[in-house]
Amino acid sequence: YFGEVALVMPNELRVASVVAVEVCELYRLSRGDFARTIHPYPM
């Protein structure tokens, strides 16, 4: 996995580029969806 910093640090820019070496299937988790889901669990 990669890009997890974007879930908790909204003002931070990407520190690296990611390029597909071959055909890839990825699963994407957006920050908004994650924040709404984790919001009831502050700890």
Full PDB file with SEQRES, HELIX, SHEET, SSBOND, CRYST1, ORIGX, SCALE, CONECT and MASTER records, all heavy atoms in Angstrom:
SEQRES   1 A   43  TYR PHE GLY GLU VAL ALA LEU VAL MET PRO ASN GLU LEU          
SEQRES   2 A   43  ARG VAL ALA SER VAL VAL ALA VAL GLU VAL CYS GLU LEU          
SEQRES   3 A   43  TYR ARG LEU SER ARG GLY ASP PHE ALA ARG THR ILE HIS          
SEQRES   4 A   43  PRO TYR PRO MET                                              
HELIX    1 AA1 VAL A    5  VAL A    8  1                                   4    
HELIX    2 AA2 ARG A   31  ILE A   38  1                                   8    
CRYST1    1.000    1.000    1.000  90.00  90.00  90.00 P 1           1          
ORIGX1      1.000000  0.000000  0.000000        0.00000                         
ORIGX2      0.000000  1.000000  0.000000        0.00000                         
ORIGX3      0.000000  0.000000  1.000000        0.00000                         
SCALE1      1.000000  0.000000  0.000000        0.00000                         
SCALE2      0.000000  1.000000  0.000000        0.00000                         
SCALE3      0.000000  0.000000  1.000000        0.00000                         
ATOM      1  N   TYR A   1       0.856  -1.190   0.000  1.00  0.00           N  
ATOM      2  CA  TYR A   1       0.000   0.000   0.000  1.00  0.00           C  
ATOM      3  C   TYR A   1       0.891   1.239   0.000  1.00  0.00           C  
ATOM      4  O   TYR A   1       2.084   1.183   0.319  1.00  0.00           O  
ATOM      5  CB  TYR A   1      -0.911   0.008   1.220  1.00  0.00           C  
ATOM      6  CG  TYR A   1      -0.179   0.027   2.544  1.00  0.00           C  
ATOM      7  CD1 TYR A   1       0.091   1.227   3.198  1.00  0.00           C  
ATOM      8  CD2 TYR A   1       0.265  -1.155   3.127  1.00  0.00           C  
ATOM      9  CE1 TYR A   1       0.778   1.248   4.401  1.00  0.00           C  
ATOM     10  CE2 TYR A   1       0.953  -1.140   4.331  1.00  0.00           C  
ATOM     11  CZ  TYR A   1       1.211   0.071   4.967  1.00  0.00           C  
ATOM     12  OH  TYR A   1       1.878   0.095   6.155  1.00  0.00           O  
ATOM     13  N   PHE A   2       0.319   2.380  -0.361  1.00  0.00           N  
ATOM     14  CA  PHE A   2       1.061   3.641  -0.357  1.00  0.00           C  
ATOM     15  C   PHE A   2       0.056   4.800  -0.298  1.00  0.00           C  
ATOM     16  O   PHE A   2      -1.133   4.620  -0.567  1.00  0.00           O  
ATOM     17  CB  PHE A   2       1.954   3.775  -1.603  1.00  0.00           C  
ATOM     18  CG  PHE A   2       1.216   3.649  -2.907  1.00  0.00           C  
ATOM     19  CD1 PHE A   2       0.678   4.766  -3.541  1.00  0.00           C  
ATOM     20  CD2 PHE A   2       1.045   2.405  -3.511  1.00  0.00           C  
ATOM     21  CE1 PHE A   2      -0.012   4.650  -4.743  1.00  0.00           C  
ATOM     22  CE2 PHE A   2       0.362   2.286  -4.710  1.00  0.00           C  
ATOM     23  CZ  PHE A   2      -0.172   3.407  -5.329  1.00  0.00           C  
ATOM     24  N   GLY A   3       0.562   5.969   0.059  1.00  0.00           N  
ATOM     25  CA  GLY A   3      -0.273   7.174   0.113  1.00  0.00           C  
ATOM     26  C   GLY A   3      -1.099   7.318   1.366  1.00  0.00           C  
ATOM     27  O   GLY A   3      -1.997   8.162   1.413  1.00  0.00           O  
ATOM     28  N   GLU A   4      -0.783   6.534   2.433  1.00  0.00           N  
ATOM     29  CA  GLU A   4      -1.622   6.566   3.634  1.00  0.00           C  
ATOM     30  C   GLU A   4      -1.524   7.877   4.392  1.00  0.00           C  
ATOM     31  O   GLU A   4      -2.425   8.235   5.159  1.00  0.00           O  
ATOM     32  CB  GLU A   4      -1.249   5.397   4.551  1.00  0.00           C  
ATOM     33  CG  GLU A   4       0.100   5.496   5.236  1.00  0.00           C  
ATOM     34  CD  GLU A   4       1.255   5.148   4.329  1.00  0.00           C  
ATOM     35  OE1 GLU A   4       1.008   4.776   3.169  1.00  0.00           O  
ATOM     36  OE2 GLU A   4       2.404   5.245   4.788  1.00  0.00           O  
ATOM     37  N   VAL A   5      -0.453   8.642   4.159  1.00  0.00           N  
ATOM     38  CA  VAL A   5      -0.291   9.920   4.856  1.00  0.00           C  
ATOM     39  C   VAL A   5      -1.417  10.880   4.481  1.00  0.00           C  
ATOM     40  O   VAL A   5      -1.854  11.699   5.289  1.00  0.00           O  
ATOM     41  CB  VAL A   5       1.094  10.520   4.535  1.00  0.00           C  
ATOM     42  CG1 VAL A   5       1.244  11.903   5.165  1.00  0.00           C  
ATOM     43  CG2 VAL A   5       2.190   9.593   5.027  1.00  0.00           C  
ATOM     44  N   ALA A   6      -1.910  10.773   3.270  1.00  0.00           N  
ATOM     45  CA  ALA A   6      -2.969  11.675   2.814  1.00  0.00           C  
ATOM     46  C   ALA A   6      -4.253  11.516   3.612  1.00  0.00           C  
ATOM     47  O   ALA A   6      -5.097  12.410   3.624  1.00  0.00           O  
ATOM     48  CB  ALA A   6      -3.248  11.429   1.327  1.00  0.00           C  
ATOM     49  N   LEU A   7      -4.424  10.387   4.301  1.00  0.00           N  
ATOM     50  CA  LEU A   7      -5.649  10.185   5.074  1.00  0.00           C  
ATOM     51  C   LEU A   7      -5.683  11.043   6.333  1.00  0.00           C  
ATOM     52  O   LEU A   7      -6.773  11.434   6.786  1.00  0.00           O  
ATOM     53  CB  LEU A   7      -5.793   8.705   5.462  1.00  0.00           C  
ATOM     54  CG  LEU A   7      -5.940   7.695   4.324  1.00  0.00           C  
ATOM     55  CD1 LEU A   7      -6.162   6.293   4.900  1.00  0.00           C  
ATOM     56  CD2 LEU A   7      -7.069   8.066   3.386  1.00  0.00           C  
ATOM     57  N   VAL A   8      -4.523  11.308   6.920  1.00  0.00           N  
ATOM     58  CA  VAL A   8      -4.495  12.002   8.211  1.00  0.00           C  
ATOM     59  C   VAL A   8      -3.798  13.359   8.145  1.00  0.00           C  
ATOM     60  O   VAL A   8      -3.837  14.118   9.125  1.00  0.00           O  
ATOM     61  CB  VAL A   8      -3.797  11.113   9.269  1.00  0.00           C  
ATOM     62  CG1 VAL A   8      -4.607   9.854   9.501  1.00  0.00           C  
ATOM     63  CG2 VAL A   8      -2.382  10.757   8.842  1.00  0.00           C  
ATOM     64  N   MET A   9      -3.124  13.688   7.031  1.00  0.00           N  
ATOM     65  CA  MET A   9      -2.429  14.969   6.887  1.00  0.00           C  
ATOM     66  C   MET A   9      -2.908  15.664   5.618  1.00  0.00           C  
ATOM     67  O   MET A   9      -2.262  15.597   4.566  1.00  0.00           O  
ATOM     68  CB  MET A   9      -0.912  14.745   6.851  1.00  0.00           C  
ATOM     69  CG  MET A   9      -0.380  14.023   8.086  1.00  0.00           C  
ATOM     70  SD  MET A   9       1.391  13.663   8.009  1.00  0.00           S  
ATOM     71  CE  MET A   9       2.067  15.315   8.019  1.00  0.00           C  
ATOM     72  N   PRO A  10      -4.062  16.323   5.679  1.00  0.00           N  
ATOM     73  CA  PRO A  10      -4.679  16.877   4.465  1.00  0.00           C  
ATOM     74  C   PRO A  10      -3.868  17.973   3.791  1.00  0.00           C  
ATOM     75  O   PRO A  10      -4.018  18.206   2.588  1.00  0.00           O  
ATOM     76  CB  PRO A  10      -6.022  17.413   4.971  1.00  0.00           C  
ATOM     77  CG  PRO A  10      -5.828  17.624   6.434  1.00  0.00           C  
ATOM     78  CD  PRO A  10      -4.871  16.567   6.873  1.00  0.00           C  
ATOM     79  N   ASN A  11      -3.000  18.673   4.534  1.00  0.00           N  
ATOM     80  CA  ASN A  11      -2.256  19.790   3.951  1.00  0.00           C  
ATOM     81  C   ASN A  11      -0.876  19.396   3.450  1.00  0.00           C  
ATOM     82  O   ASN A  11      -0.128  20.232   2.961  1.00  0.00           O  
ATOM     83  CB  ASN A  11      -2.123  20.913   4.991  1.00  0.00           C  
ATOM     84  CG  ASN A  11      -3.476  21.464   5.412  1.00  0.00           C  
ATOM     85  OD1 ASN A  11      -4.385  21.586   4.586  1.00  0.00           O  
ATOM     86  ND2 ASN A  11      -3.613  21.787   6.693  1.00  0.00           N  
ATOM     87  N   GLU A  12      -0.550  18.111   3.569  1.00  0.00           N  
ATOM     88  CA  GLU A  12       0.775  17.642   3.169  1.00  0.00           C  
ATOM     89  C   GLU A  12       0.775  17.216   1.710  1.00  0.00           C  
ATOM     90  O   GLU A  12      -0.147  16.556   1.236  1.00  0.00           O  
ATOM     91  CB  GLU A  12       1.194  16.471   4.054  1.00  0.00           C  
ATOM     92  CG  GLU A  12       2.659  16.124   3.976  1.00  0.00           C  
ATOM     93  CD  GLU A  12       3.543  17.188   4.623  1.00  0.00           C  
ATOM     94  OE1 GLU A  12       3.070  17.881   5.553  1.00  0.00           O  
ATOM     95  OE2 GLU A  12       4.713  17.311   4.190  1.00  0.00           O  
ATOM     96  N   LEU A  13       1.839  17.617   0.988  1.00  0.00           N  
ATOM     97  CA  LEU A  13       1.961  17.224  -0.413  1.00  0.00           C  
ATOM     98  C   LEU A  13       2.568  15.831  -0.517  1.00  0.00           C  
ATOM     99  O   LEU A  13       3.252  15.364   0.393  1.00  0.00           O  
ATOM    100  CB  LEU A  13       2.837  18.238  -1.161  1.00  0.00           C  
ATOM    101  CG  LEU A  13       2.329  19.691  -1.193  1.00  0.00           C  
ATOM    102  CD1 LEU A  13       3.320  20.571  -1.949  1.00  0.00           C  
ATOM    103  CD2 LEU A  13       0.942  19.779  -1.817  1.00  0.00           C  
ATOM    104  N   ARG A  14       2.348  15.219  -1.650  1.00  0.00           N  
ATOM    105  CA  ARG A  14       2.935  13.908  -1.892  1.00  0.00           C  
ATOM    106  C   ARG A  14       4.456  14.041  -1.933  1.00  0.00           C  
ATOM    107  O   ARG A  14       4.993  14.979  -2.551  1.00  0.00           O  
ATOM    108  CB  ARG A  14       2.455  13.332  -3.223  1.00  0.00           C  
ATOM    109  CG  ARG A  14       0.945  13.148  -3.338  1.00  0.00           C  
ATOM    110  CD  ARG A  14       0.465  11.943  -2.575  1.00  0.00           C  
ATOM    111  NE  ARG A  14      -0.916  11.589  -2.946  1.00  0.00           N  
ATOM    112  CZ  ARG A  14      -1.615  10.635  -2.355  1.00  0.00           C  
ATOM    113  NH1 ARG A  14      -1.078   9.941  -1.359  1.00  0.00           N  
ATOM    114  NH2 ARG A  14      -2.851  10.363  -2.746  1.00  0.00           N  
ATOM    115  N   VAL A  15       5.139  13.104  -1.286  1.00  0.00           N  
ATOM    116  CA  VAL A  15       6.601  13.170  -1.220  1.00  0.00           C  
ATOM    117  C   VAL A  15       7.260  12.308  -2.282  1.00  0.00           C  
ATOM    118  O   VAL A  15       8.482  12.328  -2.419  1.00  0.00           O  
ATOM    119  CB  VAL A  15       7.097  12.752   0.179  1.00  0.00           C  
ATOM    120  CG1 VAL A  15       6.585  13.712   1.236  1.00  0.00           C  
ATOM    121  CG2 VAL A  15       6.671  11.323   0.492  1.00  0.00           C  
ATOM    122  N   ALA A  16       6.479  11.526  -3.012  1.00  0.00           N  
ATOM    123  CA  ALA A  16       7.057  10.638  -4.031  1.00  0.00           C  
ATOM    124  C   ALA A  16       6.037  10.428  -5.148  1.00  0.00           C  
ATOM    125  O   ALA A  16       4.834  10.636  -4.965  1.00  0.00           O  
ATOM    126  CB  ALA A  16       7.467   9.301  -3.430  1.00  0.00           C  
ATOM    127  N   SER A  17       6.561  10.028  -6.286  1.00  0.00           N  
ATOM    128  CA  SER A  17       5.701   9.666  -7.419  1.00  0.00           C  
ATOM    129  C   SER A  17       5.595   8.151  -7.497  1.00  0.00           C  
ATOM    130  O   SER A  17       6.544   7.427  -7.184  1.00  0.00           O  
ATOM    131  CB  SER A  17       6.279  10.209  -8.729  1.00  0.00           C  
ATOM    132  OG  SER A  17       6.323  11.623  -8.715  1.00  0.00           O  
ATOM    133  N   VAL A  18       4.448   7.687  -7.928  1.00  0.00           N  
ATOM    134  CA  VAL A  18       4.204   6.248  -8.065  1.00  0.00           C  
ATOM    135  C   VAL A  18       3.755   5.981  -9.492  1.00  0.00           C  
ATOM    136  O   VAL A  18       2.789   6.587  -9.975  1.00  0.00           O  
ATOM    137  CB  VAL A  18       3.134   5.761  -7.076  1.00  0.00           C  
ATOM    138  CG1 VAL A  18       2.944   4.252  -7.214  1.00  0.00           C  
ATOM    139  CG2 VAL A  18       3.510   6.116  -5.642  1.00  0.00           C  
ATOM    140  N   VAL A  19       4.480   5.073 -10.166  1.00  0.00           N  
ATOM    141  CA  VAL A  19       4.208   4.761 -11.568  1.00  0.00           C  
ATOM    142  C   VAL A  19       3.972   3.260 -11.704  1.00  0.00           C  
ATOM    143  O   VAL A  19       4.667   2.445 -11.087  1.00  0.00           O  
ATOM    144  CB  VAL A  19       5.388   5.202 -12.465  1.00  0.00           C  
ATOM    145  CG1 VAL A  19       5.094   4.872 -13.935  1.00  0.00           C  
ATOM    146  CG2 VAL A  19       5.656   6.680 -12.309  1.00  0.00           C  
ATOM    147  N   ALA A  20       2.988   2.890 -12.530  1.00  0.00           N  
ATOM    148  CA  ALA A  20       2.686   1.478 -12.758  1.00  0.00           C  
ATOM    149  C   ALA A  20       3.749   0.847 -13.647  1.00  0.00           C  
ATOM    150  O   ALA A  20       3.991   1.326 -14.761  1.00  0.00           O  
ATOM    151  CB  ALA A  20       1.313   1.328 -13.389  1.00  0.00           C  
ATOM    152  N   VAL A  21       4.399  -0.190 -13.139  1.00  0.00           N  
ATOM    153  CA  VAL A  21       5.398  -0.917 -13.929  1.00  0.00           C  
ATOM    154  C   VAL A  21       4.713  -1.863 -14.905  1.00  0.00           C  
ATOM    155  O   VAL A  21       5.222  -2.145 -15.994  1.00  0.00           O  
ATOM    156  CB  VAL A  21       6.338  -1.699 -12.992  1.00  0.00           C  
ATOM    157  CG1 VAL A  21       7.352  -2.523 -13.788  1.00  0.00           C  
ATOM    158  CG2 VAL A  21       7.059  -0.739 -12.059  1.00  0.00           C  
ATOM    159  N   GLU A  22       3.566  -2.378 -14.533  1.00  0.00           N  
ATOM    160  CA  GLU A  22       2.748  -3.247 -15.382  1.00  0.00           C  
ATOM    161  C   GLU A  22       1.290  -2.906 -15.129  1.00  0.00           C  
ATOM    162  O   GLU A  22       0.981  -2.006 -14.348  1.00  0.00           O  
ATOM    163  CB  GLU A  22       3.036  -4.714 -15.040  1.00  0.00           C  
ATOM    164  CG  GLU A  22       2.791  -5.056 -13.587  1.00  0.00           C  
ATOM    165  CD  GLU A  22       3.162  -6.489 -13.257  1.00  0.00           C  
ATOM    166  OE1 GLU A  22       3.327  -7.281 -14.196  1.00  0.00           O  
ATOM    167  OE2 GLU A  22       3.275  -6.804 -12.068  1.00  0.00           O  
ATOM    168  N   VAL A  23       0.404  -3.590 -15.792  1.00  0.00           N  
ATOM    169  CA  VAL A  23      -1.016  -3.346 -15.560  1.00  0.00           C  
ATOM    170  C   VAL A  23      -1.352  -3.717 -14.115  1.00  0.00           C  
ATOM    171  O   VAL A  23      -1.029  -4.820 -13.656  1.00  0.00           O  
ATOM    172  CB  VAL A  23      -1.888  -4.162 -16.531  1.00  0.00           C  
ATOM    173  CG1 VAL A  23      -3.360  -3.854 -16.310  1.00  0.00           C  
ATOM    174  CG2 VAL A  23      -1.504  -3.857 -17.970  1.00  0.00           C  
ATOM    175  N   CYS A  24      -1.961  -2.805 -13.394  1.00  0.00           N  
ATOM    176  CA  CYS A  24      -2.220  -2.983 -11.966  1.00  0.00           C  
ATOM    177  C   CYS A  24      -3.692  -2.760 -11.651  1.00  0.00           C  
ATOM    178  O   CYS A  24      -4.351  -1.903 -12.258  1.00  0.00           O  
ATOM    179  CB  CYS A  24      -1.394  -1.996 -11.128  1.00  0.00           C  
ATOM    180  SG  CYS A  24       0.379  -2.113 -11.351  1.00  0.00           S  
ATOM    181  N   GLU A  25      -4.168  -3.519 -10.690  1.00  0.00           N  
ATOM    182  CA  GLU A  25      -5.489  -3.261 -10.107  1.00  0.00           C  
ATOM    183  C   GLU A  25      -5.277  -2.792  -8.681  1.00  0.00           C  
ATOM    184  O   GLU A  25      -4.696  -3.507  -7.860  1.00  0.00           O  
ATOM    185  CB  GLU A  25      -6.368  -4.509 -10.125  1.00  0.00           C  
ATOM    186  CG  GLU A  25      -7.758  -4.228  -9.550  1.00  0.00           C  
ATOM    187  CD  GLU A  25      -8.659  -5.448  -9.551  1.00  0.00           C  
ATOM    188  OE1 GLU A  25      -8.139  -6.565  -9.790  1.00  0.00           O  
ATOM    189  OE2 GLU A  25      -9.867  -5.291  -9.301  1.00  0.00           O  
ATOM    190  N   LEU A  26      -5.728  -1.574  -8.398  1.00  0.00           N  
ATOM    191  CA  LEU A  26      -5.573  -0.972  -7.082  1.00  0.00           C  
ATOM    192  C   LEU A  26      -6.942  -0.711  -6.471  1.00  0.00           C  
ATOM    193  O   LEU A  26      -7.937  -0.564  -7.185  1.00  0.00           O  
ATOM    194  CB  LEU A  26      -4.797   0.346  -7.175  1.00  0.00           C  
ATOM    195  CG  LEU A  26      -3.471   0.327  -7.933  1.00  0.00           C  
ATOM    196  CD1 LEU A  26      -2.834   1.709  -7.906  1.00  0.00           C  
ATOM    197  CD2 LEU A  26      -2.512  -0.692  -7.349  1.00  0.00           C  
ATOM    198  N   TYR A  27      -6.965  -0.660  -5.144  1.00  0.00           N  
ATOM    199  CA  TYR A  27      -8.173  -0.262  -4.422  1.00  0.00           C  
ATOM    200  C   TYR A  27      -7.912   1.094  -3.766  1.00  0.00           C  
ATOM    201  O   TYR A  27      -6.921   1.265  -3.044  1.00  0.00           O  
ATOM    202  CB  TYR A  27      -8.560  -1.302  -3.372  1.00  0.00           C  
ATOM    203  CG  TYR A  27      -9.220  -2.519  -3.974  1.00  0.00           C  
ATOM    204  CD1 TYR A  27      -8.470  -3.654  -4.276  1.00  0.00           C  
ATOM    205  CD2 TYR A  27     -10.582  -2.518  -4.249  1.00  0.00           C  
ATOM    206  CE1 TYR A  27      -9.071  -4.772  -4.833  1.00  0.00           C  
ATOM    207  CE2 TYR A  27     -11.188  -3.628  -4.807  1.00  0.00           C  
ATOM    208  CZ  TYR A  27     -10.426  -4.746  -5.099  1.00  0.00           C  
ATOM    209  OH  TYR A  27     -11.030  -5.851  -5.650  1.00  0.00           O  
ATOM    210  N   ARG A  28      -8.805   2.012  -4.004  1.00  0.00           N  
ATOM    211  CA  ARG A  28      -8.631   3.407  -3.567  1.00  0.00           C  
ATOM    212  C   ARG A  28      -9.518   3.701  -2.358  1.00  0.00           C  
ATOM    213  O   ARG A  28     -10.703   3.358  -2.347  1.00  0.00           O  
ATOM    214  CB  ARG A  28      -8.999   4.345  -4.712  1.00  0.00           C  
ATOM    215  CG  ARG A  28      -8.869   5.822  -4.440  1.00  0.00           C  
ATOM    216  CD  ARG A  28      -9.230   6.594  -5.718  1.00  0.00           C  
ATOM    217  NE  ARG A  28      -9.058   8.015  -5.553  1.00  0.00           N  
ATOM    218  CZ  ARG A  28      -9.989   8.841  -5.103  1.00  0.00           C  
ATOM    219  NH1 ARG A  28     -11.186   8.362  -4.766  1.00  0.00           N  
ATOM    220  NH2 ARG A  28      -9.747  10.141  -5.006  1.00  0.00           N  
ATOM    221  N   LEU A  29      -8.928   4.311  -1.330  1.00  0.00           N  
ATOM    222  CA  LEU A  29      -9.678   4.735  -0.141  1.00  0.00           C  
ATOM    223  C   LEU A  29      -9.498   6.243   0.004  1.00  0.00           C  
ATOM    224  O   LEU A  29      -8.391   6.732   0.249  1.00  0.00           O  
ATOM    225  CB  LEU A  29      -9.161   4.016   1.104  1.00  0.00           C  
ATOM    226  CG  LEU A  29      -9.799   4.425   2.446  1.00  0.00           C  
ATOM    227  CD1 LEU A  29     -11.300   4.140   2.437  1.00  0.00           C  
ATOM    228  CD2 LEU A  29      -9.125   3.709   3.614  1.00  0.00           C  
ATOM    229  N   SER A  30     -10.588   6.999  -0.130  1.00  0.00           N  
ATOM    230  CA  SER A  30     -10.506   8.457  -0.074  1.00  0.00           C  
ATOM    231  C   SER A  30     -10.460   8.947   1.369  1.00  0.00           C  
ATOM    232  O   SER A  30     -10.936   8.266   2.288  1.00  0.00           O  
ATOM    233  CB  SER A  30     -11.702   9.084  -0.797  1.00  0.00           C  
ATOM    234  OG  SER A  30     -12.898   8.831  -0.081  1.00  0.00           O  
ATOM    235  N   ARG A  31      -9.874  10.125   1.542  1.00  0.00           N  
ATOM    236  CA  ARG A  31      -9.741  10.704   2.881  1.00  0.00           C  
ATOM    237  C   ARG A  31     -11.107  11.031   3.479  1.00  0.00           C  
ATOM    238  O   ARG A  31     -11.348  10.805   4.671  1.00  0.00           O  
ATOM    239  CB  ARG A  31      -8.882  11.964   2.826  1.00  0.00           C  
ATOM    240  CG  ARG A  31      -8.695  12.612   4.205  1.00  0.00           C  
ATOM    241  CD  ARG A  31      -7.694  13.739   4.183  1.00  0.00           C  
ATOM    242  NE  ARG A  31      -8.053  14.779   3.239  1.00  0.00           N  
ATOM    243  CZ  ARG A  31      -7.273  15.209   2.246  1.00  0.00           C  
ATOM    244  NH1 ARG A  31      -6.086  14.663   2.079  1.00  0.00           N  
ATOM    245  NH2 ARG A  31      -7.665  16.163   1.419  1.00  0.00           N  
ATOM    246  N   GLY A  32     -12.014  11.545   2.683  1.00  0.00           N  
ATOM    247  CA  GLY A  32     -13.335  11.896   3.189  1.00  0.00           C  
ATOM    248  C   GLY A  32     -14.091  10.687   3.722  1.00  0.00           C  
ATOM    249  O   GLY A  32     -14.669  10.738   4.817  1.00  0.00           O  
ATOM    250  N   ASP A  33     -14.083   9.593   2.950  1.00  0.00           N  
ATOM    251  CA  ASP A  33     -14.768   8.371   3.403  1.00  0.00           C  
ATOM    252  C   ASP A  33     -14.133   7.828   4.678  1.00  0.00           C  
ATOM    253  O   ASP A  33     -14.824   7.418   5.611  1.00  0.00           O  
ATOM    254  CB  ASP A  33     -14.717   7.305   2.300  1.00  0.00           C  
ATOM    255  CG  ASP A  33     -15.614   7.643   1.125  1.00  0.00           C  
ATOM    256  OD1 ASP A  33     -16.555   8.439   1.316  1.00  0.00           O  
ATOM    257  OD2 ASP A  33     -15.366   7.119   0.025  1.00  0.00           O  
ATOM    258  N   PHE A  34     -12.790   7.849   4.708  1.00  0.00           N  
ATOM    259  CA  PHE A  34     -12.100   7.312   5.884  1.00  0.00           C  
ATOM    260  C   PHE A  34     -12.375   8.160   7.122  1.00  0.00           C  
ATOM    261  O   PHE A  34     -12.616   7.631   8.219  1.00  0.00           O  
ATOM    262  CB  PHE A  34     -10.599   7.259   5.602  1.00  0.00           C  
ATOM    263  CG  PHE A  34      -9.787   6.780   6.764  1.00  0.00           C  
ATOM    264  CD1 PHE A  34      -9.826   5.449   7.150  1.00  0.00           C  
ATOM    265  CD2 PHE A  34      -8.986   7.666   7.484  1.00  0.00           C  
ATOM    266  CE1 PHE A  34      -9.074   5.007   8.235  1.00  0.00           C  
ATOM    267  CE2 PHE A  34      -8.247   7.217   8.563  1.00  0.00           C  
ATOM    268  CZ  PHE A  34      -8.289   5.892   8.933  1.00  0.00           C  
ATOM    269  N   ALA A  35     -12.372   9.478   6.960  1.00  0.00           N  
ATOM    270  CA  ALA A  35     -12.604  10.371   8.103  1.00  0.00           C  
ATOM    271  C   ALA A  35     -14.001  10.192   8.663  1.00  0.00           C  
ATOM    272  O   ALA A  35     -14.199  10.159   9.883  1.00  0.00           O  
ATOM    273  CB  ALA A  35     -12.368  11.820   7.675  1.00  0.00           C  
ATOM    274  N   ARG A  36     -14.998  10.067   7.785  1.00  0.00           N  
ATOM    275  CA  ARG A  36     -16.371   9.886   8.265  1.00  0.00           C  
ATOM    276  C   ARG A  36     -16.533   8.549   8.994  1.00  0.00           C  
ATOM    277  O   ARG A  36     -17.317   8.440   9.945  1.00  0.00           O  
ATOM    278  CB  ARG A  36     -17.345   9.971   7.090  1.00  0.00           C  
ATOM    279  CG  ARG A  36     -17.614  11.394   6.602  1.00  0.00           C  
ATOM    280  CD  ARG A  36     -18.751  11.417   5.587  1.00  0.00           C  
ATOM    281  NE  ARG A  36     -18.405  10.709   4.368  1.00  0.00           N  
ATOM    282  CZ  ARG A  36     -17.787  11.261   3.321  1.00  0.00           C  
ATOM    283  NH1 ARG A  36     -17.423  12.545   3.377  1.00  0.00           N  
ATOM    284  NH2 ARG A  36     -17.510  10.564   2.249  1.00  0.00           N  
ATOM    285  N   THR A  37     -15.808   7.556   8.537  1.00  0.00           N  
ATOM    286  CA  THR A  37     -15.928   6.230   9.155  1.00  0.00           C  
ATOM    287  C   THR A  37     -15.219   6.163  10.503  1.00  0.00           C  
ATOM    288  O   THR A  37     -15.725   5.580  11.459  1.00  0.00           O  
ATOM    289  CB  THR A  37     -15.341   5.158   8.211  1.00  0.00           C  
ATOM    290  OG1 THR A  37     -15.976   5.241   6.933  1.00  0.00           O  
ATOM    291  CG2 THR A  37     -15.564   3.762   8.767  1.00  0.00           C  
ATOM    292  N   ILE A  38     -14.038   6.797  10.581  1.00  0.00           N  
ATOM    293  CA  ILE A  38     -13.233   6.706  11.804  1.00  0.00           C  
ATOM    294  C   ILE A  38     -13.612   7.776  12.826  1.00  0.00           C  
ATOM    295  O   ILE A  38     -13.175   7.729  13.985  1.00  0.00           O  
ATOM    296  CB  ILE A  38     -11.731   6.818  11.432  1.00  0.00           C  
ATOM    297  CG1 ILE A  38     -10.838   6.195  12.519  1.00  0.00           C  
ATOM    298  CG2 ILE A  38     -11.347   8.269  11.194  1.00  0.00           C  
ATOM    299  CD1 ILE A  38     -10.921   4.709  12.590  1.00  0.00           C  
ATOM    300  N   HIS A  39     -14.433   8.734  12.435  1.00  0.00           N  
ATOM    301  CA  HIS A  39     -14.786   9.863  13.316  1.00  0.00           C  
ATOM    302  C   HIS A  39     -15.351   9.427  14.675  1.00  0.00           C  
ATOM    303  O   HIS A  39     -14.998  10.029  15.710  1.00  0.00           O  
ATOM    304  CB  HIS A  39     -15.784  10.781  12.611  1.00  0.00           C  
ATOM    305  CG  HIS A  39     -16.203  11.963  13.444  1.00  0.00           C  
ATOM    306  ND1 HIS A  39     -15.355  13.025  13.706  1.00  0.00           N  
ATOM    307  CD2 HIS A  39     -17.377  12.236  14.091  1.00  0.00           C  
ATOM    308  CE1 HIS A  39     -15.987  13.894  14.484  1.00  0.00           C  
ATOM    309  NE2 HIS A  39     -17.212  13.444  14.719  1.00  0.00           N  
ATOM    310  N   PRO A  40     -16.200   8.404  14.766  1.00  0.00           N  
ATOM    311  CA  PRO A  40     -16.724   7.999  16.086  1.00  0.00           C  
ATOM    312  C   PRO A  40     -15.666   7.357  16.994  1.00  0.00           C  
ATOM    313  O   PRO A  40     -15.973   7.051  18.146  1.00  0.00           O  
ATOM    314  CB  PRO A  40     -17.825   6.984  15.735  1.00  0.00           C  
ATOM    315  CG  PRO A  40     -18.153   7.243  14.310  1.00  0.00           C  
ATOM    316  CD  PRO A  40     -16.869   7.664  13.682  1.00  0.00           C  
ATOM    317  N   TYR A  41     -14.438   7.183  16.516  1.00  0.00           N  
ATOM    318  CA  TYR A  41     -13.395   6.533  17.304  1.00  0.00           C  
ATOM    319  C   TYR A  41     -12.195   7.479  17.427  1.00  0.00           C  
ATOM    320  O   TYR A  41     -11.178   7.300  16.743  1.00  0.00           O  
ATOM    321  CB  TYR A  41     -12.958   5.216  16.652  1.00  0.00           C  
ATOM    322  CG  TYR A  41     -14.093   4.256  16.377  1.00  0.00           C  
ATOM    323  CD1 TYR A  41     -14.802   4.298  15.182  1.00  0.00           C  
ATOM    324  CD2 TYR A  41     -14.450   3.287  17.308  1.00  0.00           C  
ATOM    325  CE1 TYR A  41     -15.843   3.407  14.931  1.00  0.00           C  
ATOM    326  CE2 TYR A  41     -15.473   2.387  17.064  1.00  0.00           C  
ATOM    327  CZ  TYR A  41     -16.170   2.467  15.875  1.00  0.00           C  
ATOM    328  OH  TYR A  41     -17.188   1.576  15.623  1.00  0.00           O  
ATOM    329  N   PRO A  42     -12.267   8.497  18.276  1.00  0.00           N  
ATOM    330  CA  PRO A  42     -11.180   9.500  18.362  1.00  0.00           C  
ATOM    331  C   PRO A  42      -9.851   8.901  18.801  1.00  0.00           C  
ATOM    332  O   PRO A  42      -8.789   9.341  18.332  1.00  0.00           O  
ATOM    333  CB  PRO A  42     -11.712  10.506  19.392  1.00  0.00           C  
ATOM    334  CG  PRO A  42     -12.772   9.772  20.160  1.00  0.00           C  
ATOM    335  CD  PRO A  42     -13.372   8.796  19.197  1.00  0.00           C  
ATOM    336  N   MET A  43      -9.851   7.930  19.702  1.00  0.00           N  
ATOM    337  CA  MET A  43      -8.606   7.326  20.154  1.00  0.00           C  
ATOM    338  C   MET A  43      -7.911   6.595  19.016  1.00  0.00           C  
ATOM    339  O   MET A  43      -6.684   6.696  18.837  1.00  0.00           O  
ATOM    340  CB  MET A  43      -8.884   6.367  21.312  1.00  0.00           C  
ATOM    341  CG  MET A  43      -9.444   7.040  22.557  1.00  0.00           C  
ATOM    342  SD  MET A  43      -8.261   8.213  23.260  1.00  0.00           S  
ATOM    343  CE  MET A  43      -6.981   7.113  23.800  1.00  0.00           C  
TER     344      MET A  43                                                      
MASTER        0    0    0    2    0    0    0    6  343    1    0    4          
END                                                                             
